[in-house]
Amino acid sequence: LAKESLIAGDITIEGKIEGSGHVRIAGRFKGDVNVQGNVTIEQGAHVTGQVTAATVVVSGEVHGNIHATSRVELLESGVINGDVKAAVLTVAAGSRMRGQADFGWGEQGSAGR
């Protein structure tokens, strides 16, 4: 079972997150996130940078591109300012996104570009 790392709500971190586990961000993170597990961005959290993971759940704000090998869930309070590439994208009413969305194609579908 993969462990989950938490960046708490009253914490601001700059740098890079890499690894195989899960990451839950409730505070502010500036930098790139690259994990094999899941990334959860809580309501009120701010992430500025690229996010690469299996599944990305956005309740807070992401300023940067998201690449999920499995899926991206943009929840009601979520904001994405950047491009999204995912196998599956779910978007809740009330959420906001500014950028390009590329989903449902699988890895082979985008090779011809």
N, C-alpha and C. Protein backbone atom coordinates (compact mmCIF):
# COMPACT_ATOMS: atom_id res chain seq x y z
N LEU A 1 0.86 -1.19 0.00
CA LEU A 1 0.00 0.00 0.00
C LEU A 1 0.89 1.24 0.00
N ALA A 2 0.67 2.11 -0.97
CA ALA A 2 1.50 3.31 -1.09
C ALA A 2 1.13 4.30 0.02
N LYS A 3 2.12 4.94 0.58
CA LYS A 3 1.90 5.93 1.62
C LYS A 3 1.48 7.26 0.99
N GLU A 4 0.78 8.08 1.77
CA GLU A 4 0.38 9.40 1.31
C GLU A 4 1.13 10.46 2.09
N SER A 5 1.73 11.41 1.37
CA SER A 5 2.41 12.54 2.00
C SER A 5 1.47 13.73 1.99
N LEU A 6 1.48 14.49 3.08
CA LEU A 6 0.58 15.63 3.21
C LEU A 6 1.38 16.92 3.35
N ILE A 7 1.00 17.92 2.56
CA ILE A 7 1.48 19.29 2.77
C ILE A 7 0.31 20.03 3.41
N ALA A 8 0.45 20.36 4.69
CA ALA A 8 -0.67 20.89 5.47
C ALA A 8 -1.05 22.29 5.01
N GLY A 9 -2.25 22.71 5.44
CA GLY A 9 -2.83 23.96 4.97
C GLY A 9 -2.06 25.21 5.32
N ASP A 10 -1.30 25.20 6.39
CA ASP A 10 -0.58 26.42 6.79
C ASP A 10 0.88 26.38 6.34
N ILE A 11 1.18 25.54 5.35
CA ILE A 11 2.56 25.38 4.89
C ILE A 11 2.70 25.86 3.45
N THR A 12 3.82 26.54 3.15
CA THR A 12 4.17 26.91 1.78
C THR A 12 5.51 26.27 1.46
N ILE A 13 5.57 25.54 0.36
CA ILE A 13 6.80 24.85 -0.03
C ILE A 13 7.11 25.18 -1.48
N GLU A 14 8.41 25.41 -1.75
CA GLU A 14 8.89 25.54 -3.13
C GLU A 14 9.87 24.42 -3.38
N GLY A 15 9.80 23.83 -4.57
CA GLY A 15 10.74 22.76 -4.89
C GLY A 15 10.15 21.78 -5.86
N LYS A 16 10.42 20.50 -5.63
CA LYS A 16 9.97 19.46 -6.54
C LYS A 16 9.55 18.25 -5.72
N ILE A 17 8.43 17.62 -6.12
CA ILE A 17 7.98 16.40 -5.46
C ILE A 17 8.09 15.28 -6.48
N GLU A 18 8.82 14.21 -6.12
CA GLU A 18 8.96 13.05 -7.00
C GLU A 18 8.85 11.79 -6.16
N GLY A 19 8.32 10.72 -6.77
CA GLY A 19 8.27 9.45 -6.05
C GLY A 19 7.14 8.57 -6.53
N SER A 20 6.92 7.48 -5.79
CA SER A 20 5.94 6.50 -6.22
C SER A 20 4.67 6.54 -5.39
N GLY A 21 4.63 7.31 -4.31
CA GLY A 21 3.48 7.32 -3.42
C GLY A 21 2.42 8.32 -3.83
N HIS A 22 1.52 8.59 -2.90
CA HIS A 22 0.44 9.55 -3.10
C HIS A 22 0.77 10.85 -2.38
N VAL A 23 0.26 11.96 -2.92
CA VAL A 23 0.53 13.27 -2.33
C VAL A 23 -0.80 14.00 -2.16
N ARG A 24 -1.00 14.57 -0.98
CA ARG A 24 -2.18 15.40 -0.70
C ARG A 24 -1.67 16.79 -0.33
N ILE A 25 -2.11 17.80 -1.07
CA ILE A 25 -1.64 19.17 -0.85
C ILE A 25 -2.81 20.00 -0.35
N ALA A 26 -2.66 20.53 0.86
CA ALA A 26 -3.69 21.41 1.43
C ALA A 26 -3.17 22.84 1.54
N GLY A 27 -1.86 23.02 1.42
CA GLY A 27 -1.25 24.34 1.52
C GLY A 27 -0.89 24.88 0.16
N ARG A 28 0.25 25.57 0.09
CA ARG A 28 0.72 26.15 -1.16
C ARG A 28 2.00 25.44 -1.59
N PHE A 29 2.04 25.04 -2.85
CA PHE A 29 3.23 24.39 -3.37
C PHE A 29 3.60 25.03 -4.69
N LYS A 30 4.88 25.42 -4.83
CA LYS A 30 5.38 26.02 -6.05
C LYS A 30 6.47 25.12 -6.59
N GLY A 31 6.24 24.51 -7.73
CA GLY A 31 7.20 23.59 -8.31
C GLY A 31 6.47 22.44 -8.97
N ASP A 32 7.21 21.50 -9.49
CA ASP A 32 6.62 20.39 -10.23
C ASP A 32 6.36 19.19 -9.32
N VAL A 33 5.27 18.50 -9.59
CA VAL A 33 4.91 17.28 -8.88
C VAL A 33 4.94 16.15 -9.90
N ASN A 34 5.73 15.11 -9.62
CA ASN A 34 5.85 13.99 -10.54
C ASN A 34 5.85 12.71 -9.72
N VAL A 35 4.67 12.08 -9.61
CA VAL A 35 4.55 10.86 -8.81
C VAL A 35 3.81 9.79 -9.61
N GLN A 36 4.07 8.53 -9.25
CA GLN A 36 3.36 7.43 -9.90
C GLN A 36 1.99 7.22 -9.27
N GLY A 37 1.78 7.74 -8.08
CA GLY A 37 0.52 7.56 -7.37
C GLY A 37 -0.48 8.66 -7.70
N ASN A 38 -1.27 9.03 -6.70
CA ASN A 38 -2.33 10.01 -6.88
C ASN A 38 -1.95 11.33 -6.22
N VAL A 39 -2.43 12.42 -6.81
CA VAL A 39 -2.24 13.75 -6.24
C VAL A 39 -3.61 14.34 -5.96
N THR A 40 -3.82 14.76 -4.72
CA THR A 40 -5.06 15.40 -4.32
C THR A 40 -4.76 16.83 -3.91
N ILE A 41 -5.43 17.78 -4.56
CA ILE A 41 -5.25 19.20 -4.23
C ILE A 41 -6.52 19.66 -3.54
N GLU A 42 -6.41 19.89 -2.23
CA GLU A 42 -7.57 20.18 -1.40
C GLU A 42 -8.14 21.57 -1.69
N GLN A 43 -9.39 21.77 -1.28
CA GLN A 43 -10.00 23.08 -1.40
C GLN A 43 -9.18 24.09 -0.60
N GLY A 44 -8.88 25.23 -1.20
CA GLY A 44 -8.06 26.25 -0.55
C GLY A 44 -6.58 26.12 -0.84
N ALA A 45 -6.15 25.00 -1.41
CA ALA A 45 -4.74 24.80 -1.74
C ALA A 45 -4.40 25.46 -3.07
N HIS A 46 -3.13 25.84 -3.23
CA HIS A 46 -2.65 26.44 -4.48
C HIS A 46 -1.41 25.70 -4.93
N VAL A 47 -1.42 25.21 -6.16
CA VAL A 47 -0.24 24.58 -6.75
C VAL A 47 0.13 25.36 -8.00
N THR A 48 1.39 25.78 -8.07
CA THR A 48 1.90 26.47 -9.25
C THR A 48 3.02 25.62 -9.82
N GLY A 49 2.75 24.95 -10.95
CA GLY A 49 3.75 24.08 -11.57
C GLY A 49 3.07 22.94 -12.30
N GLN A 50 3.87 22.09 -12.90
CA GLN A 50 3.35 20.94 -13.64
C GLN A 50 3.02 19.81 -12.67
N VAL A 51 1.91 19.13 -12.92
CA VAL A 51 1.52 17.99 -12.09
C VAL A 51 1.42 16.76 -12.99
N THR A 52 2.21 15.73 -12.68
CA THR A 52 2.17 14.47 -13.41
C THR A 52 1.93 13.35 -12.40
N ALA A 53 0.88 12.55 -12.64
CA ALA A 53 0.53 11.49 -11.69
C ALA A 53 -0.42 10.51 -12.38
N ALA A 54 -0.79 9.46 -11.64
CA ALA A 54 -1.79 8.53 -12.17
C ALA A 54 -3.16 9.19 -12.16
N THR A 55 -3.58 9.66 -11.00
CA THR A 55 -4.86 10.34 -10.85
C THR A 55 -4.63 11.66 -10.14
N VAL A 56 -5.27 12.72 -10.64
CA VAL A 56 -5.17 14.03 -10.02
C VAL A 56 -6.58 14.51 -9.69
N VAL A 57 -6.83 14.79 -8.41
CA VAL A 57 -8.13 15.29 -7.96
C VAL A 57 -7.93 16.74 -7.53
N VAL A 58 -8.69 17.65 -8.16
CA VAL A 58 -8.49 19.09 -7.93
C VAL A 58 -9.73 19.69 -7.27
N SER A 59 -9.58 20.07 -5.99
CA SER A 59 -10.61 20.85 -5.30
C SER A 59 -10.13 22.28 -5.09
N GLY A 60 -8.81 22.47 -5.16
CA GLY A 60 -8.20 23.78 -4.99
C GLY A 60 -7.83 24.36 -6.34
N GLU A 61 -6.68 25.06 -6.40
CA GLU A 61 -6.27 25.73 -7.63
C GLU A 61 -4.95 25.16 -8.13
N VAL A 62 -4.89 24.93 -9.44
CA VAL A 62 -3.65 24.51 -10.09
C VAL A 62 -3.36 25.51 -11.21
N HIS A 63 -2.18 26.11 -11.14
CA HIS A 63 -1.71 26.99 -12.20
C HIS A 63 -0.54 26.28 -12.87
N GLY A 64 -0.82 25.59 -13.95
CA GLY A 64 0.18 24.79 -14.63
C GLY A 64 -0.51 23.62 -15.30
N ASN A 65 0.23 22.87 -16.07
CA ASN A 65 -0.35 21.76 -16.83
C ASN A 65 -0.44 20.50 -15.98
N ILE A 66 -1.45 19.69 -16.27
CA ILE A 66 -1.66 18.43 -15.57
C ILE A 66 -1.61 17.30 -16.58
N HIS A 67 -0.83 16.26 -16.27
CA HIS A 67 -0.79 15.06 -17.10
C HIS A 67 -1.06 13.87 -16.19
N ALA A 68 -2.20 13.21 -16.42
CA ALA A 68 -2.58 12.06 -15.60
C ALA A 68 -2.67 10.83 -16.49
N THR A 69 -1.97 9.76 -16.11
CA THR A 69 -2.03 8.54 -16.91
C THR A 69 -3.39 7.87 -16.75
N SER A 70 -4.07 8.09 -15.64
CA SER A 70 -5.40 7.51 -15.42
C SER A 70 -6.48 8.57 -15.60
N ARG A 71 -6.69 9.42 -14.60
CA ARG A 71 -7.78 10.39 -14.74
C ARG A 71 -7.52 11.67 -13.96
N VAL A 72 -8.25 12.71 -14.38
CA VAL A 72 -8.28 13.99 -13.68
C VAL A 72 -9.72 14.23 -13.26
N GLU A 73 -9.91 14.54 -11.98
CA GLU A 73 -11.23 14.91 -11.47
C GLU A 73 -11.18 16.37 -11.05
N LEU A 74 -11.96 17.19 -11.71
CA LEU A 74 -12.07 18.61 -11.36
C LEU A 74 -13.36 18.78 -10.58
N LEU A 75 -13.23 18.97 -9.28
CA LEU A 75 -14.40 19.03 -8.40
C LEU A 75 -14.98 20.44 -8.36
N GLU A 76 -16.12 20.56 -7.70
CA GLU A 76 -16.92 21.79 -7.76
C GLU A 76 -16.13 23.05 -7.42
N SER A 77 -15.26 22.98 -6.41
CA SER A 77 -14.51 24.15 -5.99
C SER A 77 -13.18 24.29 -6.74
N GLY A 78 -12.91 23.39 -7.68
CA GLY A 78 -11.60 23.34 -8.33
C GLY A 78 -11.41 24.36 -9.44
N VAL A 79 -10.15 24.79 -9.60
CA VAL A 79 -9.77 25.73 -10.65
C VAL A 79 -8.49 25.19 -11.31
N ILE A 80 -8.51 25.06 -12.62
CA ILE A 80 -7.30 24.69 -13.36
C ILE A 80 -7.01 25.79 -14.36
N ASN A 81 -5.81 26.34 -14.28
CA ASN A 81 -5.35 27.34 -15.23
C ASN A 81 -4.16 26.72 -15.95
N GLY A 82 -4.42 25.99 -17.02
CA GLY A 82 -3.38 25.26 -17.73
C GLY A 82 -4.00 24.13 -18.53
N ASP A 83 -3.19 23.40 -19.22
CA ASP A 83 -3.67 22.32 -20.07
C ASP A 83 -3.77 21.02 -19.29
N VAL A 84 -4.74 20.20 -19.69
CA VAL A 84 -4.95 18.90 -19.05
C VAL A 84 -4.85 17.81 -20.10
N LYS A 85 -4.05 16.79 -19.79
CA LYS A 85 -3.97 15.60 -20.64
C LYS A 85 -4.22 14.41 -19.73
N ALA A 86 -5.25 13.62 -20.05
CA ALA A 86 -5.63 12.51 -19.18
C ALA A 86 -6.34 11.45 -20.00
N ALA A 87 -6.34 10.22 -19.48
CA ALA A 87 -7.13 9.17 -20.11
C ALA A 87 -8.61 9.48 -19.93
N VAL A 88 -8.99 9.94 -18.72
CA VAL A 88 -10.38 10.27 -18.40
C VAL A 88 -10.38 11.61 -17.67
N LEU A 89 -11.34 12.48 -18.04
CA LEU A 89 -11.50 13.77 -17.37
C LEU A 89 -12.94 13.88 -16.90
N THR A 90 -13.13 14.13 -15.59
CA THR A 90 -14.47 14.40 -15.08
C THR A 90 -14.49 15.82 -14.52
N VAL A 91 -15.55 16.55 -14.84
CA VAL A 91 -15.65 17.96 -14.48
C VAL A 91 -16.98 18.18 -13.78
N ALA A 92 -16.92 18.73 -12.57
CA ALA A 92 -18.15 19.01 -11.81
C ALA A 92 -18.66 20.40 -12.17
N ALA A 93 -19.99 20.55 -12.11
CA ALA A 93 -20.59 21.86 -12.32
C ALA A 93 -20.08 22.83 -11.26
N GLY A 94 -19.78 24.04 -11.67
CA GLY A 94 -19.27 25.05 -10.75
C GLY A 94 -17.76 25.17 -10.76
N SER A 95 -17.06 24.17 -11.30
CA SER A 95 -15.60 24.25 -11.38
C SER A 95 -15.22 25.17 -12.54
N ARG A 96 -13.94 25.57 -12.57
CA ARG A 96 -13.47 26.47 -13.62
C ARG A 96 -12.17 25.93 -14.22
N MET A 97 -12.04 26.11 -15.53
CA MET A 97 -10.80 25.71 -16.20
C MET A 97 -10.54 26.64 -17.35
N ARG A 98 -9.25 27.02 -17.49
CA ARG A 98 -8.82 27.82 -18.63
C ARG A 98 -7.61 27.11 -19.21
N GLY A 99 -7.77 26.57 -20.42
CA GLY A 99 -6.67 25.84 -21.04
C GLY A 99 -7.22 24.79 -21.98
N GLN A 100 -6.34 23.98 -22.53
CA GLN A 100 -6.75 22.93 -23.45
C GLN A 100 -6.92 21.62 -22.70
N ALA A 101 -7.92 20.85 -23.12
CA ALA A 101 -8.14 19.53 -22.53
C ALA A 101 -7.98 18.48 -23.61
N ASP A 102 -7.19 17.45 -23.32
CA ASP A 102 -6.91 16.36 -24.25
C ASP A 102 -7.14 15.08 -23.46
N PHE A 103 -8.26 14.40 -23.75
CA PHE A 103 -8.57 13.20 -22.95
C PHE A 103 -9.25 12.16 -23.82
N GLY A 104 -9.16 10.91 -23.39
CA GLY A 104 -9.85 9.82 -24.03
C GLY A 104 -9.11 9.19 -25.19
N TRP A 105 -7.96 9.71 -25.55
CA TRP A 105 -7.23 9.22 -26.71
C TRP A 105 -6.28 8.09 -26.37
N GLY A 106 -5.84 8.00 -25.12
CA GLY A 106 -4.80 7.03 -24.80
C GLY A 106 -3.47 7.53 -25.33
N GLU A 107 -2.41 6.83 -25.01
CA GLU A 107 -1.08 7.28 -25.41
C GLU A 107 -0.89 7.22 -26.93
N GLN A 108 -1.47 6.21 -27.59
CA GLN A 108 -1.24 6.06 -29.02
C GLN A 108 -1.98 7.12 -29.82
N GLY A 109 -3.09 7.64 -29.28
CA GLY A 109 -3.92 8.58 -30.04
C GLY A 109 -3.28 9.92 -30.28
N SER A 110 -2.33 10.31 -29.45
CA SER A 110 -1.72 11.63 -29.61
C SER A 110 -0.36 11.53 -30.30
N ALA A 111 0.02 10.33 -30.74
CA ALA A 111 1.35 10.17 -31.35
C ALA A 111 1.44 10.83 -32.71
N GLY A 112 0.31 11.00 -33.39
CA GLY A 112 0.35 11.52 -34.74
C GLY A 112 0.44 13.03 -34.84
N ARG A 113 0.63 13.71 -33.71
CA ARG A 113 0.67 15.17 -33.75
C ARG A 113 2.05 15.71 -33.99
